Protein backbone atom coordinates (compact mmCIF):
# COMPACT_ATOMS: atom_id res chain seq x y z
CA MET A 1 0.37 -0.07 0.56
CA GLY A 2 1.41 3.35 -1.02
CA LYS A 3 1.27 7.01 0.76
CA LEU A 4 -0.87 9.10 0.54
CA THR A 5 1.51 10.96 -1.30
CA ASP A 6 1.88 9.05 -4.13
CA ARG A 7 0.43 9.84 -7.30
CA ARG A 8 -0.01 7.80 -10.02
CA PRO A 9 2.46 7.94 -12.98
CA ASP A 10 -0.48 7.92 -15.71
CA GLY A 11 -2.16 10.99 -14.24
CA PRO A 12 -5.19 10.77 -13.67
CA GLY A 13 -8.08 8.21 -15.27
CA PRO A 14 -10.52 9.32 -17.97
CA ALA A 15 -13.70 9.47 -14.91
CA SER A 16 -11.06 12.67 -13.47
CA ARG A 17 -10.73 14.10 -16.65
CA LEU A 18 -14.93 13.88 -17.37
CA GLY A 19 -15.41 15.24 -13.93
CA TRP A 20 -13.49 18.51 -14.58
CA ALA A 21 -14.48 19.06 -18.05
CA VAL A 22 -18.41 18.86 -16.44
CA LEU A 23 -17.28 21.32 -14.08
CA ALA A 24 -15.49 23.41 -16.15
CA LEU A 25 -18.65 23.63 -18.72
CA PHE A 26 -20.86 23.96 -15.66
CA SER A 27 -18.12 27.14 -14.04
CA ALA A 28 -18.13 28.67 -17.46
CA ALA A 29 -21.91 28.49 -17.62
CA PHE A 30 -22.69 29.96 -14.04
CA ALA A 31 -20.28 33.00 -15.11
CA VAL A 32 -21.80 34.20 -18.55
CA PHE A 33 -25.25 33.57 -16.42
CA GLU A 34 -23.63 36.14 -13.61
CA ALA A 35 -22.23 38.46 -16.43
CA ALA A 36 -25.33 39.18 -18.09
CA VAL A 37 -27.51 40.00 -14.57
CA HIS A 38 -25.26 41.89 -12.86
CA GLY A 39 -23.85 43.65 -16.49
CA TRP A 40 -20.02 44.33 -18.29
CA TRP A 41 -17.66 44.67 -15.32
CA THR A 42 -18.80 41.06 -13.93
CA GLY A 43 -17.96 39.19 -17.24
CA LEU A 44 -15.14 41.56 -17.66
CA ALA A 45 -13.54 40.32 -14.34
CA GLY A 46 -14.65 36.99 -14.95
CA ALA A 47 -12.63 36.99 -18.47
CA ALA A 48 -10.11 38.46 -16.65
CA LEU A 49 -9.28 35.33 -14.10
CA LEU A 50 -9.93 32.65 -17.25
CA ILE A 51 -7.35 33.90 -19.63
CA GLY A 52 -5.23 35.28 -16.83
CA PRO A 53 -3.99 31.80 -15.53
CA LEU A 54 -3.35 30.63 -19.09
CA LEU A 55 -0.19 33.18 -18.90
CA VAL A 56 0.87 33.18 -15.59
CA HIS A 57 2.63 30.10 -13.41
CA PRO A 58 2.05 26.95 -12.99
CA ALA A 59 1.30 27.11 -9.01
CA ALA A 60 -1.82 29.54 -9.83
CA HIS A 61 -3.63 26.34 -11.11
CA ARG A 62 -5.23 24.92 -7.54
CA ALA A 63 -9.05 24.54 -7.48
CA LEU A 64 -9.10 25.39 -3.64
CA PRO A 65 -8.21 29.19 -3.94
CA PRO A 66 -11.61 29.90 -5.77
CA VAL A 67 -13.46 27.15 -3.81
CA VAL A 68 -12.59 29.23 -1.00
CA VAL A 69 -13.77 32.42 -2.39
CA LEU A 70 -17.11 31.14 -3.83
CA VAL A 71 -18.21 30.11 -0.40
CA ALA A 72 -16.80 33.20 1.58
CA TYR A 73 -18.39 35.49 -0.93
CA SER A 74 -21.88 33.34 -0.76
CA LEU A 75 -21.85 33.54 2.94
CA SER A 76 -21.07 37.35 3.84
CA PRO A 77 -22.77 40.16 3.64
CA LEU A 78 -21.07 41.62 0.25
CA ASP A 79 -22.65 43.19 -3.18
CA GLN A 80 -19.82 42.97 -5.35
CA PRO A 81 -20.96 40.59 -7.28
CA TRP A 82 -17.13 40.79 -9.28
CA ILE A 83 -15.31 39.00 -6.85
CA PHE A 84 -17.83 35.79 -7.19
CA THR A 85 -17.68 36.08 -11.38
CA ALA A 86 -14.03 36.00 -10.50
CA ALA A 87 -14.00 33.57 -8.71
CA LEU A 88 -15.64 31.47 -11.10
CA GLY A 89 -13.17 32.31 -13.86
CA LEU A 90 -10.73 30.73 -12.11
CA LEU A 91 -12.48 27.81 -11.21
CA THR A 92 -13.45 27.71 -14.37
CA ALA A 93 -9.67 27.78 -15.68
CA VAL A 94 -8.45 25.16 -13.20
CA ALA A 95 -10.72 23.05 -14.27
CA VAL A 96 -10.21 23.78 -18.30
CA ARG A 97 -6.62 23.00 -17.47
CA ARG A 98 -7.01 19.70 -15.08
CA ALA A 99 -9.72 18.52 -17.70
CA SER A 100 -7.30 18.65 -21.16
CA ALA A 101 -3.72 18.19 -19.48
CA GLY A 102 -4.39 15.79 -16.24
CA ARG A 103 -2.66 17.52 -12.44
CA PRO A 104 -1.13 20.92 -12.70
CA ARG A 105 2.82 20.92 -13.78
CA ARG A 106 5.34 21.24 -10.86
CA CYS A 107 6.54 24.36 -10.14
CA SER A 108 10.52 23.71 -11.20
CA THR A 109 12.64 25.95 -9.00
CA THR A 110 10.14 23.84 -6.01
CA GLY A 111 11.31 20.44 -7.29
């Protein structure tokens, strides 16, 4: 039995990739809905965080930060929908990357 930190050498299986693809489609559709309801500035925030991670370091491709922002925003009294839509855009970017490439690449400076 392997350690919890062991990873499969061949990457995630087809079921995992399908799950990430479904999440990507759902979060993208929800971001478009939010942009349509709340205005172009929310769409701009979502698009910026959808495209942004594709241009930056692979360390930005973790699913937990946008999920934490989505949950925290949903439980807070804030009325700034661009924050929620931006987190949806980032979650969509993470899900697209995971669905297409599997697990995120390791940073070359951390080993």
